Amino acid sequence: MRPLKIVSIVVGAILVLIGLGLLVPGGLLLWAHGTQRDDSGFFESSSRVMSTSGYALATPDIDLHIGSDIGWVPKGATLAIRIRAVSTSGDDLFVAIARTDQISEYLGSVERDEVADFGWFSAALDYLHVAGGAPSSPPGDQGFWAARRQGPGTQTLEWEVQQGNWTAVIMNADGSADVNASVSLGARFGLLLPIGIGFLIAGIVLFALGVVLIVVGARPSRPTGSTAAYAPATQPQMPYPPGQAPQQGAPYGGRESFQPPTLPSQPQASPPQPPPETPHQGSG
């Protein structure tokens, strides 16, 4: 096998593998986009019952780096998160998000529990307890919240992600201790569909190109010798006499067989005759 054909097969196999590697996540993203979202376009976790004997439930510092300029992203295509919480003790709830430094100043000396693991793959929750006292005022009196929801029943907070360090908190609306709530988290990815389509198209193109290269490399080479050596044997053609046209159905490729013409016989030369004898006259 020629080296170029080997290279074609190897490169084709690599492209096929890369194409499959793009087709699988592309297909999964499209499947998730079409079947796993709710009516608002959010992917949502199951509910978790969260509680603390302190005055607040808080997330750890979340450092979000999404670039300082995202003007190229279409409107509604950015990442958004949703916190849905309902009190299990009947108290009015306060659900909010703010910058970490502002919440740290407000809750710096407040007894609380930070949720270290929400239990994405299990129902178990991990907390980090922080000792302290009561807040100086109810959370609703503060004006630094980037997004907030407060009241009885289910509170649903939706927030479009922005760059920076952020923390989410759940408290009783009056700032009292013993916070108990059933909480679910959701996320909406505006670029999920374009990314899935891009992966799928790229995977199809690379897979098809790889198959073509493999087929070309595996195709047997054509013989390089003279084609005359492989020409089929033909029946010899017989000549026909001048002035005699070939007749249809005659053998030898359409030419009627014939007997070679008989040449006219040549008169046989008689053997040379000796010259006549001249009579000799006798002497007188």
Protein backbone atom coordinates (compact mmCIF):
# COMPACT_ATOMS: atom_id res chain seq x y z
CA MET A 1 0.00 0.00 0.00
CA ARG A 2 1.31 3.42 -0.92
CA PRO A 3 2.31 5.83 1.88
CA LEU A 4 -0.27 8.41 0.76
CA LYS A 5 -3.04 5.85 1.11
CA ILE A 6 -1.87 4.93 4.60
CA VAL A 7 -1.84 8.61 5.58
CA SER A 8 -5.34 9.02 4.13
CA ILE A 9 -6.69 6.11 6.19
CA VAL A 10 -5.02 7.31 9.41
CA VAL A 11 -6.20 10.90 9.00
CA GLY A 12 -9.67 9.68 8.09
CA ALA A 13 -9.85 7.52 11.21
CA ILE A 14 -8.80 10.48 13.37
CA LEU A 15 -11.46 12.71 11.79
CA VAL A 16 -14.10 10.03 12.33
CA LEU A 17 -13.22 9.83 16.03
CA ILE A 18 -13.26 13.62 16.39
CA GLY A 19 -16.57 13.78 14.57
CA LEU A 20 -18.10 11.20 16.91
CA GLY A 21 -16.66 13.14 19.85
CA LEU A 22 -18.57 16.21 18.69
CA LEU A 23 -21.76 14.41 17.68
CA VAL A 24 -22.30 12.89 21.13
CA PRO A 25 -22.23 16.13 23.19
CA GLY A 26 -24.03 18.00 20.43
CA GLY A 27 -26.83 15.45 20.45
CA LEU A 28 -27.00 15.47 24.25
CA LEU A 29 -27.21 19.28 24.35
CA LEU A 30 -30.02 19.31 21.81
CA TRP A 31 -31.82 16.54 23.67
CA ALA A 32 -31.50 18.42 26.97
CA HIS A 33 -32.62 21.67 25.37
CA GLY A 34 -35.69 20.03 23.91
CA THR A 35 -36.78 17.77 26.76
CA GLN A 36 -35.27 18.81 30.11
CA ARG A 37 -36.30 22.46 30.42
CA ASP A 38 -39.44 23.87 31.95
CA ASP A 39 -41.76 26.40 30.33
CA SER A 40 -39.43 29.27 31.31
CA GLY A 41 -36.39 27.60 29.77
CA PHE A 42 -34.76 26.63 33.10
CA PHE A 43 -33.10 23.38 34.04
CA GLU A 44 -34.16 22.81 37.63
CA SER A 45 -32.93 20.54 40.39
CA SER A 46 -35.18 18.63 42.72
CA SER A 47 -36.13 20.28 46.00
CA ARG A 48 -33.90 20.05 49.09
CA VAL A 49 -35.06 20.75 52.63
CA MET A 50 -32.63 23.22 54.21
CA SER A 51 -32.60 24.42 57.81
CA THR A 52 -30.46 26.24 60.32
CA SER A 53 -30.81 27.16 63.96
CA GLY A 54 -29.15 30.47 63.12
CA TYR A 55 -30.52 33.51 61.37
CA ALA A 56 -29.55 32.87 57.74
CA LEU A 57 -28.75 30.27 55.14
CA ALA A 58 -26.05 31.50 52.78
CA THR A 59 -24.01 30.25 49.87
CA PRO A 60 -20.23 30.56 49.91
CA ASP A 61 -18.54 33.29 47.91
CA ILE A 62 -19.17 32.62 44.21
CA ASP A 63 -16.59 34.26 41.96
CA LEU A 64 -18.02 34.67 38.46
CA HIS A 65 -15.69 35.46 35.56
CA ILE A 66 -17.69 35.90 32.37
CA GLY A 67 -15.68 38.68 30.75
CA SER A 68 -16.05 42.39 31.15
CA ASP A 69 -17.61 42.86 27.70
CA ILE A 70 -20.33 40.45 26.61
CA GLY A 71 -22.09 42.81 24.22
CA TRP A 72 -21.78 40.23 21.41
CA VAL A 73 -24.07 37.83 23.28
CA PRO A 74 -27.66 38.10 21.95
CA LYS A 75 -30.27 39.47 24.35
CA GLY A 76 -31.67 36.68 26.48
CA ALA A 77 -28.73 34.41 25.61
CA THR A 78 -26.77 34.99 28.82
CA LEU A 79 -26.78 32.73 31.87
CA ALA A 80 -29.55 33.16 34.44
CA ILE A 81 -30.12 31.39 37.74
CA ARG A 82 -33.32 30.83 39.71
CA ILE A 83 -33.85 30.14 43.39
CA ARG A 84 -37.26 28.81 44.36
CA ALA A 85 -37.93 28.55 48.11
CA VAL A 86 -40.94 27.95 50.32
CA SER A 87 -40.95 27.98 54.12
CA THR A 88 -41.63 24.63 55.76
CA SER A 89 -42.54 26.34 59.05
CA GLY A 90 -45.05 28.84 57.69
CA ASP A 91 -42.86 31.93 58.13
CA ASP A 92 -42.48 34.63 55.51
CA LEU A 93 -39.22 34.13 53.63
CA PHE A 94 -36.64 36.55 52.31
CA VAL A 95 -34.56 35.35 49.30
CA ALA A 96 -31.91 37.62 47.84
CA ILE A 97 -28.55 37.94 46.04
CA ALA A 98 -25.92 40.60 46.64
CA ARG A 99 -22.22 41.18 46.28
CA THR A 100 -20.21 39.15 48.75
CA ASP A 101 -18.48 42.09 50.43
CA GLN A 102 -21.83 43.77 51.19
CA ILE A 103 -23.36 40.59 52.62
CA SER A 104 -20.20 39.90 54.63
CA GLU A 105 -20.56 43.34 56.20
CA TYR A 106 -24.22 42.71 57.03
CA LEU A 107 -23.83 39.09 58.22
CA GLY A 108 -20.27 39.30 59.52
CA SER A 109 -21.25 38.78 63.18
CA VAL A 110 -24.53 36.92 62.56
CA GLU A 111 -25.00 33.24 63.39
CA ARG A 112 -25.66 31.35 60.17
CA ASP A 113 -25.00 28.22 58.13
CA GLU A 114 -23.19 28.30 54.80
CA VAL A 115 -24.25 25.60 52.35
CA ALA A 116 -21.02 23.92 51.23
CA ASP A 117 -22.72 21.23 49.08
CA PHE A 118 -26.25 21.48 47.75
CA GLY A 119 -26.36 17.74 47.07
CA TRP A 120 -26.56 17.69 43.28
CA PHE A 121 -26.03 13.94 43.11
CA SER A 122 -27.53 12.96 46.47
CA ALA A 123 -30.05 14.23 48.97
CA ALA A 124 -27.35 14.97 51.59
CA LEU A 125 -26.49 18.61 52.34
CA ASP A 126 -23.23 19.84 53.83
CA TYR A 127 -23.17 22.95 56.02
CA LEU A 128 -20.47 25.12 57.52
CA HIS A 129 -21.76 26.63 60.76
CA VAL A 130 -20.66 30.16 61.67
CA ALA A 131 -21.24 31.29 65.26
CA GLY A 132 -22.58 34.74 66.03
CA GLY A 133 -25.60 36.72 67.13
CA ALA A 134 -28.72 38.27 65.63
CA PRO A 135 -28.66 40.73 62.69
CA SER A 136 -28.89 44.42 63.47
CA SER A 137 -32.03 44.82 61.33
CA PRO A 138 -34.34 42.75 59.12
CA PRO A 139 -32.88 41.93 55.68
CA GLY A 140 -35.60 43.81 53.85
CA ASP A 141 -34.35 47.09 55.36
CA GLN A 142 -31.07 46.83 53.46
CA GLY A 143 -30.71 48.50 50.07
CA PHE A 144 -27.73 46.70 48.58
CA TRP A 145 -29.51 43.64 47.20
CA ALA A 146 -29.05 43.01 43.47
CA ALA A 147 -32.25 40.92 43.39
CA ARG A 148 -34.71 40.02 46.14
CA ARG A 149 -38.06 38.34 46.85
CA GLN A 150 -39.97 38.46 50.13
CA GLY A 151 -43.31 37.24 51.45
CA PRO A 152 -45.42 34.21 52.35
CA GLY A 153 -45.61 31.04 50.31
CA THR A 154 -43.23 30.19 47.48
CA GLN A 155 -40.66 32.84 46.60
CA THR A 156 -39.07 32.63 43.16
CA LEU A 157 -35.96 34.70 42.49
CA GLU A 158 -34.56 34.97 38.95
CA TRP A 159 -31.28 36.75 38.35
CA GLU A 160 -29.22 37.25 35.18
CA VAL A 161 -25.63 36.42 36.02
CA GLN A 162 -23.15 39.28 36.16
CA GLN A 163 -19.43 39.38 36.70
CA GLY A 164 -18.15 39.65 40.24
CA ASN A 165 -18.27 37.94 43.63
CA TRP A 166 -21.80 37.11 44.71
CA THR A 167 -23.61 35.41 47.61
CA ALA A 168 -27.22 34.28 47.95
CA VAL A 169 -29.08 34.21 51.28
CA ILE A 170 -32.34 32.84 52.61
CA MET A 171 -33.67 34.33 55.84
CA ASN A 172 -36.91 34.78 57.68
CA ALA A 173 -38.42 38.07 56.54
CA ASP A 174 -38.42 39.45 60.09
CA GLY A 175 -34.78 38.43 60.67
CA SER A 176 -35.62 35.80 63.30
CA ALA A 177 -33.72 32.55 63.92
CA ASP A 178 -34.59 29.00 62.86
CA VAL A 179 -34.84 29.26 59.09
CA ASN A 180 -36.45 26.25 57.40
CA ALA A 181 -37.19 26.05 53.68
CA SER A 182 -37.59 23.69 50.76
CA VAL A 183 -35.28 24.98 48.04
CA SER A 184 -34.66 24.16 44.38
CA LEU A 185 -32.10 25.71 42.05
CA GLY A 186 -32.42 26.31 38.33
CA ALA A 187 -30.28 27.62 35.50
CA ARG A 188 -31.01 28.89 32.01
CA PHE A 189 -28.32 28.77 29.32
CA GLY A 190 -29.15 31.04 26.41
CA LEU A 191 -26.30 29.74 24.27
CA LEU A 192 -27.05 26.07 24.82
CA LEU A 193 -28.96 25.62 21.54
CA PRO A 194 -26.38 27.37 19.28
CA ILE A 195 -23.56 25.42 20.92
CA GLY A 196 -25.41 22.13 20.44
CA ILE A 197 -26.16 22.89 16.78
CA GLY A 198 -22.53 23.93 16.19
CA PHE A 199 -21.22 20.70 17.71
CA LEU A 200 -23.66 18.64 15.65
CA ILE A 201 -22.80 20.30 12.32
CA ALA A 202 -19.05 20.14 12.95
CA GLY A 203 -19.33 16.49 13.98
CA ILE A 204 -21.26 15.55 10.83
CA VAL A 205 -18.79 17.35 8.55
CA LEU A 206 -15.70 15.81 10.18
CA PHE A 207 -17.26 12.35 10.30
CA ALA A 208 -18.22 12.46 6.60
CA LEU A 209 -14.79 13.77 5.60
CA GLY A 210 -13.10 11.02 7.60
CA VAL A 211 -15.21 8.32 5.93
CA VAL A 212 -14.33 9.70 2.48
CA LEU A 213 -10.60 9.66 3.28
CA ILE A 214 -10.80 6.08 4.58
CA VAL A 215 -12.65 4.92 1.46
CA VAL A 216 -10.17 6.67 -0.83
CA GLY A 217 -7.22 5.20 1.05
CA ALA A 218 -8.65 1.67 1.04
CA ARG A 219 -9.50 1.66 -2.67
CA PRO A 220 -7.15 -0.62 -4.65
CA SER A 221 -4.76 1.10 -7.01
CA ARG A 222 -5.26 0.85 -10.74
CA PRO A 223 -2.60 -1.04 -12.78
CA THR A 224 0.09 1.26 -14.07
CA GLY A 225 1.27 -0.98 -16.99
CA SER A 226 0.37 -0.56 -20.66
CA THR A 227 -3.27 -1.16 -21.37
CA ALA A 228 -2.29 -2.99 -24.55
CA ALA A 229 -1.20 -5.97 -22.48
CA TYR A 230 -4.72 -6.23 -21.10
CA ALA A 231 -6.56 -5.74 -24.41
CA PRO A 232 -8.92 -8.64 -25.20
CA ALA A 233 -7.89 -10.97 -27.98
CA THR A 234 -9.66 -10.28 -31.25
CA GLN A 235 -10.42 -12.67 -34.03
CA PRO A 236 -8.01 -12.27 -36.91
CA GLN A 237 -9.33 -10.53 -39.94
CA MET A 238 -8.98 -12.18 -43.28
CA PRO A 239 -8.34 -10.17 -46.38
CA TYR A 240 -10.72 -10.24 -49.26
CA PRO A 241 -9.91 -9.79 -52.95
CA PRO A 242 -9.95 -6.38 -54.53
CA GLY A 243 -13.34 -5.35 -55.79
CA GLN A 244 -15.16 -7.91 -53.64
CA ALA A 245 -17.24 -6.30 -50.90
CA PRO A 246 -17.71 -8.03 -47.55
CA GLN A 247 -21.04 -9.70 -47.06
CA GLN A 248 -23.15 -9.59 -43.89
CA GLY A 249 -23.05 -12.75 -41.90
CA ALA A 250 -19.80 -13.85 -43.42
CA PRO A 251 -17.13 -15.17 -41.08
CA TYR A 252 -13.99 -13.40 -40.08
CA GLY A 253 -15.52 -10.13 -38.91
CA GLY A 254 -18.03 -9.62 -41.71
CA ARG A 255 -15.76 -10.62 -44.58
CA GLU A 256 -16.74 -13.51 -46.79
CA SER A 257 -14.20 -16.26 -46.96
CA PHE A 258 -12.73 -16.89 -50.36
CA GLN A 259 -10.14 -18.93 -52.10
CA PRO A 260 -7.08 -17.10 -53.19
CA PRO A 261 -7.36 -16.33 -56.93
CA THR A 262 -5.66 -18.69 -59.32
CA LEU A 263 -3.06 -16.93 -61.36
CA PRO A 264 -3.10 -17.67 -65.12
CA SER A 265 -0.74 -20.38 -66.06
CA GLN A 266 2.39 -19.28 -67.87
CA PRO A 267 3.40 -21.18 -71.02
CA GLN A 268 6.23 -23.40 -70.27
CA ALA A 269 9.33 -22.49 -72.15
CA SER A 270 10.58 -25.18 -74.46
CA PRO A 271 14.09 -26.22 -73.94
CA PRO A 272 16.55 -24.46 -76.15
CA GLN A 273 17.09 -26.15 -79.50
CA PRO A 274 20.51 -26.55 -80.86
CA PRO A 275 21.15 -24.44 -83.93
CA PRO A 276 20.63 -26.25 -87.22
CA GLU A 277 23.67 -27.82 -88.67
CA THR A 278 25.00 -26.15 -91.75
CA PRO A 279 25.92 -28.70 -94.40
CA HIS A 280 29.56 -28.74 -95.24
CA GLN A 281 30.48 -28.81 -98.84
CA GLY A 282 33.07 -31.32 -99.76
CA SER A 283 36.24 -30.37 -101.42
CA GLY A 284 36.12 -30.44 -105.13
